[in-house]
Structures are given as C-alpha cells and as structure tokens.
Amino acid sequence: MFPHRAGAAYASGVPSFVCHLCGAPLDVHEPVSRDAECPSCRGDVRCCRNCRHYDERYNNSCTETQADPVPEKARRNFCEYFYFSREPFAGTGRSVKRESDARAKLEALFKKPDAKGGSSG
C-alpha cells in the first residue's frame, strides 16, 4: 500500500535516530540490541535517555507506568518498554541549566541580609 523509499528516513534532512547523549546520527534498526553503542561517544544506545518514554518530569523519569525503575538513565538496561525516541537532540545542558537556575532562585530567596556595619571612627 505504501511504497518503501530508500531515503524516507532522511526525507526531512534529519536522520530518524540520533544519540541523545551526544547528538550524533545513528544507523541502527529496531529492535535495538542491548549492546548497541554510539560510534561517536561510545555511549549505550538502548538506554532511558534514548527512549520515547524518558521524561524527567515523571516519576522515575519515565512515562511508562508499568516499567521497572532504572537508576542509571544513560546506561543500557533490560526495559521491555524501550522504543527509540524520534525527538530531535535536545542537548545535555538543559537539565544542568534548569538546576543552576533553581539553585540561584533558592539562594536569592534565602539570602542572608548583608550586615552593613558602617563604622566610621
């Protein structure tokens, strides 16, 4: 019914799979094997960070409610619900910036008032 086109995965100019640790394009086919590695950063491909269910806003950073908790999100695991994310590379600094912004706001909120002991003898 739908003809297979050899360049369909790159029709938009963006590869369908990218490493969500470094952003490099990946040439992998589903199902992704557990020992697959990114040729650029040597990071594990079948990990939570590359899964469509990965979302830091959810409990255990996973939208799949039946998945077992995985402590290391960037390491390979045996999750049965893994499905490679088609989202574009978001970079790794997003959560670090968010954390530093939150810390700066907390420090400003709980900042001790400056003691201006202006002693002019």
N, C-alpha and C. Protein backbone atom coordinates (compact mmCIF):
# COMPACT_ATOMS: atom_id res chain seq x y z
N MET A 1 0.82 -1.19 0.00
CA MET A 1 0.00 0.00 0.00
C MET A 1 0.86 1.25 0.00
N PHE A 2 1.88 1.30 0.91
CA PHE A 2 2.80 2.42 0.93
C PHE A 2 4.13 1.96 0.36
N PRO A 3 4.58 2.55 -0.73
CA PRO A 3 5.86 2.12 -1.29
C PRO A 3 7.02 2.50 -0.38
N HIS A 4 7.98 1.60 -0.28
CA HIS A 4 9.17 1.84 0.55
C HIS A 4 10.15 2.68 -0.24
N ARG A 5 10.55 3.80 0.32
CA ARG A 5 11.54 4.66 -0.32
C ARG A 5 12.84 4.56 0.46
N ALA A 6 13.91 4.40 -0.24
CA ALA A 6 15.22 4.22 0.41
C ALA A 6 15.60 5.43 1.25
N GLY A 7 15.26 6.63 0.81
CA GLY A 7 15.64 7.84 1.54
C GLY A 7 14.55 8.36 2.45
N ALA A 8 13.54 7.56 2.74
CA ALA A 8 12.41 8.04 3.55
C ALA A 8 12.84 8.48 4.94
N ALA A 9 13.81 7.81 5.52
CA ALA A 9 14.26 8.17 6.87
C ALA A 9 14.96 9.52 6.88
N TYR A 10 15.52 9.94 5.75
CA TYR A 10 16.23 11.21 5.67
C TYR A 10 15.49 12.22 4.81
N ALA A 11 14.20 12.05 4.62
CA ALA A 11 13.43 12.93 3.75
C ALA A 11 13.48 14.38 4.24
N SER A 12 13.48 14.59 5.54
CA SER A 12 13.50 15.94 6.08
C SER A 12 14.92 16.47 6.26
N GLY A 13 15.91 15.67 5.90
CA GLY A 13 17.29 16.09 6.08
C GLY A 13 17.83 15.75 7.46
N VAL A 14 16.98 15.19 8.32
CA VAL A 14 17.38 14.83 9.68
C VAL A 14 17.27 13.32 9.82
N PRO A 15 18.31 12.65 10.29
CA PRO A 15 18.21 11.19 10.46
C PRO A 15 17.14 10.86 11.49
N SER A 16 16.53 9.70 11.34
CA SER A 16 15.44 9.34 12.25
C SER A 16 15.95 8.97 13.64
N PHE A 17 17.18 8.53 13.77
CA PHE A 17 17.73 8.19 15.08
C PHE A 17 18.97 9.02 15.36
N VAL A 18 19.00 9.63 16.54
CA VAL A 18 20.19 10.36 16.98
C VAL A 18 20.51 9.94 18.40
N CYS A 19 21.77 9.99 18.75
CA CYS A 19 22.20 9.68 20.10
C CYS A 19 21.80 10.85 20.99
N HIS A 20 21.03 10.58 22.01
CA HIS A 20 20.59 11.65 22.90
C HIS A 20 21.60 11.97 23.99
N LEU A 21 22.80 11.39 23.87
CA LEU A 21 23.90 11.76 24.76
C LEU A 21 24.81 12.77 24.08
N CYS A 22 25.07 12.57 22.77
CA CYS A 22 25.98 13.49 22.06
C CYS A 22 25.37 14.14 20.83
N GLY A 23 24.25 13.62 20.33
CA GLY A 23 23.58 14.21 19.18
C GLY A 23 24.01 13.65 17.84
N ALA A 24 24.89 12.68 17.83
CA ALA A 24 25.38 12.10 16.58
C ALA A 24 24.28 11.24 15.92
N PRO A 25 24.20 11.27 14.59
CA PRO A 25 23.23 10.40 13.91
C PRO A 25 23.62 8.94 14.08
N LEU A 26 22.61 8.09 14.22
CA LEU A 26 22.85 6.67 14.43
C LEU A 26 22.25 5.86 13.30
N ASP A 27 22.96 4.83 12.91
CA ASP A 27 22.48 3.91 11.89
C ASP A 27 22.13 2.60 12.58
N VAL A 28 20.98 2.58 13.25
CA VAL A 28 20.53 1.38 13.95
C VAL A 28 19.14 1.01 13.44
N HIS A 29 18.78 -0.22 13.62
CA HIS A 29 17.47 -0.71 13.21
C HIS A 29 16.77 -1.30 14.42
N GLU A 30 15.46 -1.14 14.44
CA GLU A 30 14.71 -1.70 15.56
C GLU A 30 14.37 -3.14 15.29
N PRO A 31 14.35 -3.98 16.28
CA PRO A 31 14.62 -3.67 17.69
C PRO A 31 16.11 -3.41 17.92
N VAL A 32 16.38 -2.42 18.75
CA VAL A 32 17.76 -2.04 19.06
C VAL A 32 18.35 -3.06 20.02
N SER A 33 19.51 -3.59 19.68
CA SER A 33 20.13 -4.60 20.55
C SER A 33 20.64 -3.93 21.83
N ARG A 34 20.68 -4.69 22.88
CA ARG A 34 21.07 -4.16 24.18
C ARG A 34 22.52 -3.69 24.20
N ASP A 35 23.39 -4.27 23.38
CA ASP A 35 24.80 -3.89 23.41
C ASP A 35 25.18 -2.86 22.34
N ALA A 36 24.18 -2.24 21.70
CA ALA A 36 24.47 -1.22 20.67
C ALA A 36 25.12 0.01 21.31
N GLU A 37 26.14 0.56 20.64
CA GLU A 37 26.86 1.73 21.12
C GLU A 37 26.87 2.81 20.06
N CYS A 38 26.91 4.06 20.50
CA CYS A 38 27.05 5.20 19.59
C CYS A 38 28.49 5.21 19.08
N PRO A 39 28.69 5.28 17.76
CA PRO A 39 30.06 5.30 17.24
C PRO A 39 30.81 6.58 17.59
N SER A 40 30.10 7.63 17.93
CA SER A 40 30.73 8.90 18.24
C SER A 40 31.20 9.00 19.69
N CYS A 41 30.28 8.76 20.63
CA CYS A 41 30.63 8.93 22.05
C CYS A 41 30.78 7.62 22.80
N ARG A 42 30.53 6.50 22.13
CA ARG A 42 30.61 5.15 22.71
C ARG A 42 29.59 4.95 23.84
N GLY A 43 28.57 5.81 23.89
CA GLY A 43 27.52 5.67 24.89
C GLY A 43 26.56 4.56 24.51
N ASP A 44 25.87 4.03 25.49
CA ASP A 44 24.89 2.98 25.24
C ASP A 44 23.70 3.57 24.49
N VAL A 45 23.25 2.86 23.46
CA VAL A 45 22.12 3.33 22.65
C VAL A 45 20.80 2.92 23.28
N ARG A 46 20.71 1.70 23.74
CA ARG A 46 19.46 1.22 24.34
C ARG A 46 19.46 1.60 25.83
N CYS A 47 19.17 2.87 26.08
CA CYS A 47 19.13 3.39 27.44
C CYS A 47 17.92 4.32 27.57
N CYS A 48 17.59 4.67 28.78
CA CYS A 48 16.42 5.51 29.03
C CYS A 48 16.50 6.84 28.29
N ARG A 49 17.68 7.43 28.22
CA ARG A 49 17.82 8.74 27.56
C ARG A 49 17.44 8.70 26.09
N ASN A 50 17.52 7.54 25.45
CA ASN A 50 17.15 7.40 24.04
C ASN A 50 15.73 6.88 23.84
N CYS A 51 14.99 6.68 24.91
CA CYS A 51 13.66 6.09 24.82
C CYS A 51 12.59 7.17 24.73
N ARG A 52 11.52 6.87 24.00
CA ARG A 52 10.43 7.85 23.87
C ARG A 52 9.70 8.05 25.19
N HIS A 53 9.81 7.13 26.13
CA HIS A 53 9.14 7.25 27.42
C HIS A 53 9.94 8.08 28.43
N TYR A 54 11.17 8.45 28.10
CA TYR A 54 12.02 9.20 29.03
C TYR A 54 11.51 10.64 29.17
N ASP A 55 11.21 11.04 30.39
CA ASP A 55 10.77 12.40 30.67
C ASP A 55 11.10 12.69 32.13
N GLU A 56 11.97 13.63 32.38
CA GLU A 56 12.44 13.92 33.73
C GLU A 56 11.32 14.43 34.65
N ARG A 57 10.22 14.88 34.07
CA ARG A 57 9.13 15.42 34.88
C ARG A 57 8.29 14.33 35.55
N TYR A 58 8.45 13.08 35.13
CA TYR A 58 7.66 11.98 35.66
C TYR A 58 8.41 11.20 36.72
N ASN A 59 7.64 10.41 37.49
CA ASN A 59 8.24 9.53 38.49
C ASN A 59 9.21 8.57 37.80
N ASN A 60 10.39 8.42 38.35
CA ASN A 60 11.45 7.59 37.77
C ASN A 60 11.85 8.04 36.37
N SER A 61 11.51 9.25 35.99
CA SER A 61 11.83 9.83 34.67
C SER A 61 11.28 8.99 33.53
N CYS A 62 10.11 8.38 33.72
CA CYS A 62 9.54 7.50 32.71
C CYS A 62 8.03 7.68 32.64
N THR A 63 7.50 7.84 31.42
CA THR A 63 6.06 7.98 31.26
C THR A 63 5.35 6.63 31.24
N GLU A 64 6.11 5.55 31.11
CA GLU A 64 5.51 4.21 31.13
C GLU A 64 5.31 3.79 32.58
N THR A 65 4.06 3.67 33.00
CA THR A 65 3.76 3.41 34.40
C THR A 65 4.10 2.00 34.85
N GLN A 66 4.20 1.04 33.94
CA GLN A 66 4.47 -0.34 34.32
C GLN A 66 5.95 -0.71 34.25
N ALA A 67 6.78 0.20 33.79
CA ALA A 67 8.21 -0.09 33.68
C ALA A 67 8.87 -0.12 35.06
N ASP A 68 9.81 -1.02 35.23
CA ASP A 68 10.58 -1.09 36.47
C ASP A 68 11.51 0.12 36.55
N PRO A 69 11.75 0.65 37.75
CA PRO A 69 12.67 1.78 37.89
C PRO A 69 14.09 1.43 37.43
N VAL A 70 14.71 2.35 36.72
CA VAL A 70 16.08 2.17 36.25
C VAL A 70 16.91 3.30 36.86
N PRO A 71 17.88 2.97 37.71
CA PRO A 71 18.63 4.02 38.41
C PRO A 71 19.56 4.83 37.50
N GLU A 72 20.20 4.20 36.53
CA GLU A 72 21.15 4.92 35.67
C GLU A 72 20.53 5.09 34.29
N LYS A 73 20.07 6.28 33.99
CA LYS A 73 19.32 6.55 32.76
C LYS A 73 20.17 6.54 31.49
N ALA A 74 21.47 6.70 31.62
CA ALA A 74 22.34 6.73 30.44
C ALA A 74 23.04 5.39 30.19
N ARG A 75 22.71 4.37 30.96
CA ARG A 75 23.33 3.05 30.81
C ARG A 75 22.34 2.07 30.22
N ARG A 76 22.85 1.05 29.54
CA ARG A 76 21.98 0.03 28.94
C ARG A 76 21.21 -0.71 30.02
N ASN A 77 20.01 -1.17 29.64
CA ASN A 77 19.18 -1.88 30.61
C ASN A 77 18.29 -2.89 29.89
N PHE A 78 17.49 -3.59 30.65
CA PHE A 78 16.63 -4.64 30.10
C PHE A 78 15.17 -4.22 30.01
N CYS A 79 14.88 -2.95 29.95
CA CYS A 79 13.49 -2.48 29.94
C CYS A 79 12.74 -3.04 28.72
N GLU A 80 11.59 -3.62 29.00
CA GLU A 80 10.78 -4.22 27.94
C GLU A 80 9.99 -3.18 27.16
N TYR A 81 9.91 -1.95 27.66
CA TYR A 81 9.10 -0.92 27.03
C TYR A 81 9.93 0.05 26.18
N PHE A 82 11.20 -0.28 25.96
CA PHE A 82 12.07 0.62 25.19
C PHE A 82 11.55 0.79 23.77
N TYR A 83 11.43 2.03 23.37
CA TYR A 83 11.07 2.38 21.99
C TYR A 83 11.89 3.61 21.65
N PHE A 84 12.69 3.55 20.61
CA PHE A 84 13.63 4.62 20.30
C PHE A 84 12.90 5.94 20.05
N SER A 85 13.35 6.96 20.71
CA SER A 85 12.74 8.29 20.58
C SER A 85 13.05 8.90 19.22
N ARG A 86 12.05 9.54 18.65
CA ARG A 86 12.22 10.26 17.38
C ARG A 86 12.38 11.75 17.61
N GLU A 87 12.46 12.17 18.87
CA GLU A 87 12.61 13.58 19.20
C GLU A 87 13.98 14.09 18.76
N PRO A 88 14.07 15.35 18.36
CA PRO A 88 15.38 15.90 17.99
C PRO A 88 16.28 16.02 19.21
N PHE A 89 17.57 16.09 18.97
CA PHE A 89 18.56 16.18 20.04
C PHE A 89 18.34 17.47 20.83
N ALA A 90 18.17 17.33 22.14
CA ALA A 90 17.90 18.49 22.99
C ALA A 90 19.15 18.99 23.70
N GLY A 91 20.22 18.26 23.63
CA GLY A 91 21.44 18.65 24.32
C GLY A 91 21.44 18.17 25.75
N THR A 92 22.60 18.12 26.35
CA THR A 92 22.69 17.62 27.71
C THR A 92 22.71 18.74 28.73
N GLY A 93 22.85 19.97 28.31
CA GLY A 93 22.94 21.08 29.26
C GLY A 93 21.60 21.59 29.74
N ARG A 94 20.51 21.10 29.19
CA ARG A 94 19.19 21.61 29.55
C ARG A 94 18.89 21.41 31.03
N SER A 95 19.06 20.21 31.53
CA SER A 95 18.75 19.95 32.93
C SER A 95 19.76 20.61 33.86
N VAL A 96 21.01 20.75 33.41
CA VAL A 96 22.03 21.40 34.23
C VAL A 96 21.68 22.88 34.38
N LYS A 97 21.26 23.53 33.30
CA LYS A 97 20.88 24.93 33.37
C LYS A 97 19.65 25.11 34.25
N ARG A 98 18.71 24.21 34.11
CA ARG A 98 17.50 24.28 34.93
C ARG A 98 17.84 24.14 36.40
N GLU A 99 18.76 23.24 36.71
CA GLU A 99 19.17 23.04 38.10
C GLU A 99 19.88 24.28 38.64
N SER A 100 20.77 24.86 37.85
CA SER A 100 21.50 26.04 38.32
C SER A 100 20.57 27.24 38.48
N ASP A 101 19.57 27.36 37.60
CA ASP A 101 18.58 28.43 37.74
C ASP A 101 17.78 28.27 39.04
N ALA A 102 17.37 27.03 39.33
CA ALA A 102 16.61 26.77 40.55
C ALA A 102 17.45 27.07 41.79
N ARG A 103 18.73 26.68 41.76
CA ARG A 103 19.61 26.95 42.91
C ARG A 103 19.80 28.45 43.11
N ALA A 104 19.95 29.19 42.01
CA ALA A 104 20.12 30.64 42.11
C ALA A 104 18.88 31.30 42.72
N LYS A 105 17.71 30.82 42.33
CA LYS A 105 16.47 31.37 42.89
C LYS A 105 16.35 31.06 44.38
N LEU A 106 16.73 29.82 44.77
CA LEU A 106 16.69 29.47 46.19
C LEU A 106 17.68 30.29 47.00
N GLU A 107 18.87 30.49 46.47
CA GLU A 107 19.87 31.29 47.18
C GLU A 107 19.40 32.72 47.34
N ALA A 108 18.75 33.27 46.31
CA ALA A 108 18.23 34.64 46.40
C ALA A 108 17.10 34.72 47.42
N LEU A 109 16.29 33.68 47.50
CA LEU A 109 15.17 33.65 48.43
C LEU A 109 15.65 33.58 49.89
N PHE A 110 16.64 32.74 50.14
CA PHE A 110 17.13 32.54 51.50
C PHE A 110 18.43 33.27 51.79
N LYS A 111 18.72 34.28 51.03
CA LYS A 111 19.96 35.03 51.19
C LYS A 111 19.93 35.80 52.52
N LYS A 112 21.04 35.71 53.24
CA LYS A 112 21.14 36.43 54.49
C LYS A 112 21.33 37.92 54.18
N PRO A 113 20.64 38.76 54.93
CA PRO A 113 20.81 40.21 54.67
C PRO A 113 22.25 40.63 54.99
N ASP A 114 22.77 41.50 54.15
CA ASP A 114 24.14 41.99 54.37
C ASP A 114 24.17 42.86 55.63
N ALA A 115 25.11 42.55 56.47
CA ALA A 115 25.29 43.36 57.70
C ALA A 115 26.23 44.52 57.36
N LYS A 116 25.62 45.67 57.17
CA LYS A 116 26.44 46.86 56.82
C LYS A 116 26.77 47.59 58.12
N GLY A 117 27.84 47.16 58.68
CA GLY A 117 28.30 47.78 59.94
C GLY A 117 29.20 48.95 59.62
N GLY A 118 28.62 50.00 59.17
CA GLY A 118 29.38 51.18 58.74
C GLY A 118 30.01 51.91 59.92
N SER A 119 31.14 51.45 60.36
CA SER A 119 31.82 52.12 61.47
C SER A 119 32.82 53.12 60.93
N SER A 120 32.51 54.35 61.10
CA SER A 120 33.41 55.41 60.62
C SER A 120 33.97 56.14 61.82
N GLY A 121 34.97 55.68 62.39
CA GLY A 121 35.65 56.04 63.57
C GLY A 121 35.81 57.35 63.96
